[in-house]
């Protein structure tokens, strides 16, 4: 069971990046993207429910979009109109069912660094 995050990098202010989070060993049900800037706590950025509903923190509404490709078992975070304050390590997080324990558990991707700078 694994989440593999990718797509981070350096972008100029106003630019775009698309993050990907590919799951292996389980099917994505719902997924969250978090970010953690230096010296700050990790914060939830975007949420995608199993029914396809989405939710965002106010600071990224209208700029970020979370989506999924069920065939690829991958969730994306399209980030447009990037700002310097978007600089952070971005993590994906998803629940998966552990049948041996008869319970849901959380798994995190390894994080991908997004730097927005001119």
C-alpha atoms as a PDB file:
ATOM      1  CA  UNK A   1       0.000   0.000   0.000  1.00  0.00           C
ATOM      2  CA  UNK A   2       1.600   3.226  -1.129  1.00  0.00           C
ATOM      3  CA  UNK A   3       0.936   6.797  -2.229  1.00  0.00           C
ATOM      4  CA  UNK A   4       3.449   8.319  -4.608  1.00  0.00           C
ATOM      5  CA  UNK A   5       3.345  12.101  -4.889  1.00  0.00           C
ATOM      6  CA  UNK A   6       5.046  13.932  -7.720  1.00  0.00           C
ATOM      7  CA  UNK A   7       4.941  17.089  -9.790  1.00  0.00           C
ATOM      8  CA  UNK A   8       6.493  19.631  -7.482  1.00  0.00           C
ATOM      9  CA  UNK A   9       9.154  22.036  -8.582  1.00  0.00           C
ATOM     10  CA  UNK A  10       9.975  25.669  -9.101  1.00  0.00           C
ATOM     11  CA  UNK A  11       7.346  27.987 -10.543  1.00  0.00           C
ATOM     12  CA  UNK A  12       7.228  31.717 -11.025  1.00  0.00           C
ATOM     13  CA  UNK A  13       4.497  33.775  -9.398  1.00  0.00           C
ATOM     14  CA  UNK A  14       1.424  33.490 -11.573  1.00  0.00           C
ATOM     15  CA  UNK A  15       2.586  30.167 -12.947  1.00  0.00           C
ATOM     16  CA  UNK A  16       1.102  26.709 -12.715  1.00  0.00           C
ATOM     17  CA  UNK A  17       2.024  23.261 -11.515  1.00  0.00           C
ATOM     18  CA  UNK A  18       0.110  19.997 -11.409  1.00  0.00           C
ATOM     19  CA  UNK A  19       0.728  17.599  -8.573  1.00  0.00           C
ATOM     20  CA  UNK A  20      -0.088  13.932  -8.854  1.00  0.00           C
ATOM     21  CA  UNK A  21      -0.701  11.331  -6.202  1.00  0.00           C
ATOM     22  CA  UNK A  22      -0.790   7.758  -7.444  1.00  0.00           C
ATOM     23  CA  UNK A  23      -2.049   4.982  -5.211  1.00  0.00           C
ATOM     24  CA  UNK A  24      -0.905   1.388  -5.327  1.00  0.00           C
ATOM     25  CA  UNK A  25      -2.223  -1.535  -3.341  1.00  0.00           C
ATOM     26  CA  UNK A  26      -5.651  -0.005  -2.803  1.00  0.00           C
ATOM     27  CA  UNK A  27      -8.310   1.956  -4.673  1.00  0.00           C
ATOM     28  CA  UNK A  28      -8.622   5.621  -3.832  1.00  0.00           C
ATOM     29  CA  UNK A  29     -11.853   6.405  -2.038  1.00  0.00           C
ATOM     30  CA  UNK A  30     -11.373   9.992  -1.011  1.00  0.00           C
ATOM     31  CA  UNK A  31      -8.199  12.033  -0.793  1.00  0.00           C
ATOM     32  CA  UNK A  32      -6.833  15.170   0.802  1.00  0.00           C
ATOM     33  CA  UNK A  33      -3.916  17.371  -0.162  1.00  0.00           C
ATOM     34  CA  UNK A  34      -2.034  19.059   2.676  1.00  0.00           C
ATOM     35  CA  UNK A  35       0.886  21.424   2.678  1.00  0.00           C
ATOM     36  CA  UNK A  36       3.495  22.441   5.182  1.00  0.00           C
ATOM     37  CA  UNK A  37       5.503  25.613   4.837  1.00  0.00           C
ATOM     38  CA  UNK A  38       8.763  26.072   6.761  1.00  0.00           C
ATOM     39  CA  UNK A  39       8.087  26.746  10.409  1.00  0.00           C
ATOM     40  CA  UNK A  40       4.348  26.294  10.040  1.00  0.00           C
ATOM     41  CA  UNK A  41       1.993  23.441  10.875  1.00  0.00           C
ATOM     42  CA  UNK A  42       0.654  21.155   8.191  1.00  0.00           C
ATOM     43  CA  UNK A  43      -2.638  22.437   6.797  1.00  0.00           C
ATOM     44  CA  UNK A  44      -5.382  20.873   4.743  1.00  0.00           C
ATOM     45  CA  UNK A  45      -5.540  22.488   1.297  1.00  0.00           C
ATOM     46  CA  UNK A  46      -8.044  20.527  -0.751  1.00  0.00           C
ATOM     47  CA  UNK A  47     -10.377  17.594  -0.320  1.00  0.00           C
ATOM     48  CA  UNK A  48     -11.957  15.237  -2.797  1.00  0.00           C
ATOM     49  CA  UNK A  49     -14.747  13.005  -1.552  1.00  0.00           C
ATOM     50  CA  UNK A  50     -15.672   9.569  -2.848  1.00  0.00           C
ATOM     51  CA  UNK A  51     -18.733  11.141  -4.445  1.00  0.00           C
ATOM     52  CA  UNK A  52     -16.623  13.678  -6.299  1.00  0.00           C
ATOM     53  CA  UNK A  53     -17.364  16.704  -4.178  1.00  0.00           C
ATOM     54  CA  UNK A  54     -14.493  19.062  -3.547  1.00  0.00           C
ATOM     55  CA  UNK A  55     -13.544  21.540  -0.872  1.00  0.00           C
ATOM     56  CA  UNK A  56     -10.718  24.051  -0.566  1.00  0.00           C
ATOM     57  CA  UNK A  57      -9.264  26.438   1.938  1.00  0.00           C
ATOM     58  CA  UNK A  58     -10.172  30.031   1.168  1.00  0.00           C
ATOM     59  CA  UNK A  59      -6.672  31.053   0.120  1.00  0.00           C
ATOM     60  CA  UNK A  60      -6.636  28.631  -2.839  1.00  0.00           C
ATOM     61  CA  UNK A  61     -10.262  28.786  -3.971  1.00  0.00           C
ATOM     62  CA  UNK A  62     -10.485  29.686  -7.621  1.00  0.00           C
ATOM     63  CA  UNK A  63      -6.806  28.866  -8.161  1.00  0.00           C
ATOM     64  CA  UNK A  64      -6.450  25.184  -7.235  1.00  0.00           C
ATOM     65  CA  UNK A  65      -8.495  22.260  -8.498  1.00  0.00           C
ATOM     66  CA  UNK A  66      -8.475  18.706  -7.208  1.00  0.00           C
ATOM     67  CA  UNK A  67      -9.543  15.900  -9.539  1.00  0.00           C
ATOM     68  CA  UNK A  68      -9.191  12.177 -10.035  1.00  0.00           C
ATOM     69  CA  UNK A  69      -8.538   9.634 -12.758  1.00  0.00           C
ATOM     70  CA  UNK A  70     -10.058   6.367 -11.594  1.00  0.00           C
ATOM     71  CA  UNK A  71      -8.441   4.392 -14.401  1.00  0.00           C
ATOM     72  CA  UNK A  72      -5.010   5.496 -13.198  1.00  0.00           C
ATOM     73  CA  UNK A  73      -5.984   5.420  -9.506  1.00  0.00           C
ATOM     74  CA  UNK A  74      -4.489   8.889  -9.271  1.00  0.00           C
ATOM     75  CA  UNK A  75      -5.592  12.207  -7.821  1.00  0.00           C
ATOM     76  CA  UNK A  76      -4.311  15.516  -9.130  1.00  0.00           C
ATOM     77  CA  UNK A  77      -3.966  18.993  -7.707  1.00  0.00           C
ATOM     78  CA  UNK A  78      -3.871  21.601 -10.439  1.00  0.00           C
ATOM     79  CA  UNK A  79      -2.378  24.784  -9.053  1.00  0.00           C
ATOM     80  CA  UNK A  80      -2.748  27.985 -11.065  1.00  0.00           C
ATOM     81  CA  UNK A  81      -1.932  31.618 -10.374  1.00  0.00           C
ATOM     82  CA  UNK A  82       0.672  30.502  -7.895  1.00  0.00           C
ATOM     83  CA  UNK A  83       1.811  32.878  -5.198  1.00  0.00           C
ATOM     84  CA  UNK A  84       4.924  32.927  -3.063  1.00  0.00           C
ATOM     85  CA  UNK A  85       2.816  31.947  -0.067  1.00  0.00           C
ATOM     86  CA  UNK A  86       1.984  28.662  -1.810  1.00  0.00           C
ATOM     87  CA  UNK A  87       5.581  27.581  -1.275  1.00  0.00           C
ATOM     88  CA  UNK A  88       5.491  24.424   0.827  1.00  0.00           C
ATOM     89  CA  UNK A  89       5.914  20.697   0.814  1.00  0.00           C
ATOM     90  CA  UNK A  90       2.670  19.176  -0.425  1.00  0.00           C
ATOM     91  CA  UNK A  91       1.433  15.834   0.882  1.00  0.00           C
ATOM     92  CA  UNK A  92      -1.407  13.629  -0.227  1.00  0.00           C
ATOM     93  CA  UNK A  93      -3.364  11.623   2.305  1.00  0.00           C
ATOM     94  CA  UNK A  94      -5.971   8.937   1.853  1.00  0.00           C
ATOM     95  CA  UNK A  95      -7.784   6.294   3.888  1.00  0.00           C
ATOM     96  CA  UNK A  96      -7.663   2.634   2.963  1.00  0.00           C
ATOM     97  CA  UNK A  97      -9.390  -0.371   4.455  1.00  0.00           C
ATOM     98  CA  UNK A  98      -7.293  -2.963   6.226  1.00  0.00           C
ATOM     99  CA  UNK A  99      -9.352  -6.122   6.137  1.00  0.00           C
ATOM    100  CA  UNK A 100      -7.112  -7.987   8.575  1.00  0.00           C
ATOM    101  CA  UNK A 101      -7.824  -5.339  11.199  1.00  0.00           C
ATOM    102  CA  UNK A 102     -11.379  -4.583  10.048  1.00  0.00           C
ATOM    103  CA  UNK A 103     -10.718  -0.875  10.131  1.00  0.00           C
ATOM    104  CA  UNK A 104      -9.745   2.115   8.031  1.00  0.00           C
ATOM    105  CA  UNK A 105      -6.255   3.536   8.281  1.00  0.00           C
ATOM    106  CA  UNK A 106      -4.551   6.580   6.807  1.00  0.00           C
ATOM    107  CA  UNK A 107      -1.612   6.661   4.465  1.00  0.00           C
ATOM    108  CA  UNK A 108       0.544   9.623   3.466  1.00  0.00           C
ATOM    109  CA  UNK A 109       2.508  10.284   0.343  1.00  0.00           C
ATOM    110  CA  UNK A 110       6.148  11.224   0.714  1.00  0.00           C
ATOM    111  CA  UNK A 111       5.672  14.904  -0.038  1.00  0.00           C
ATOM    112  CA  UNK A 112       6.652  16.992  -3.020  1.00  0.00           C
ATOM    113  CA  UNK A 113       8.243  20.433  -2.739  1.00  0.00           C
ATOM    114  CA  UNK A 114       6.623  23.393  -4.448  1.00  0.00           C
ATOM    115  CA  UNK A 115       8.646  26.590  -4.597  1.00  0.00           C
ATOM    116  CA  UNK A 116       7.114  29.741  -6.012  1.00  0.00           C
ATOM    117  CA  UNK A 117       9.729  32.371  -6.670  1.00  0.00           C
ATOM    118  CA  UNK A 118      10.884  34.756  -9.345  1.00  0.00           C
END
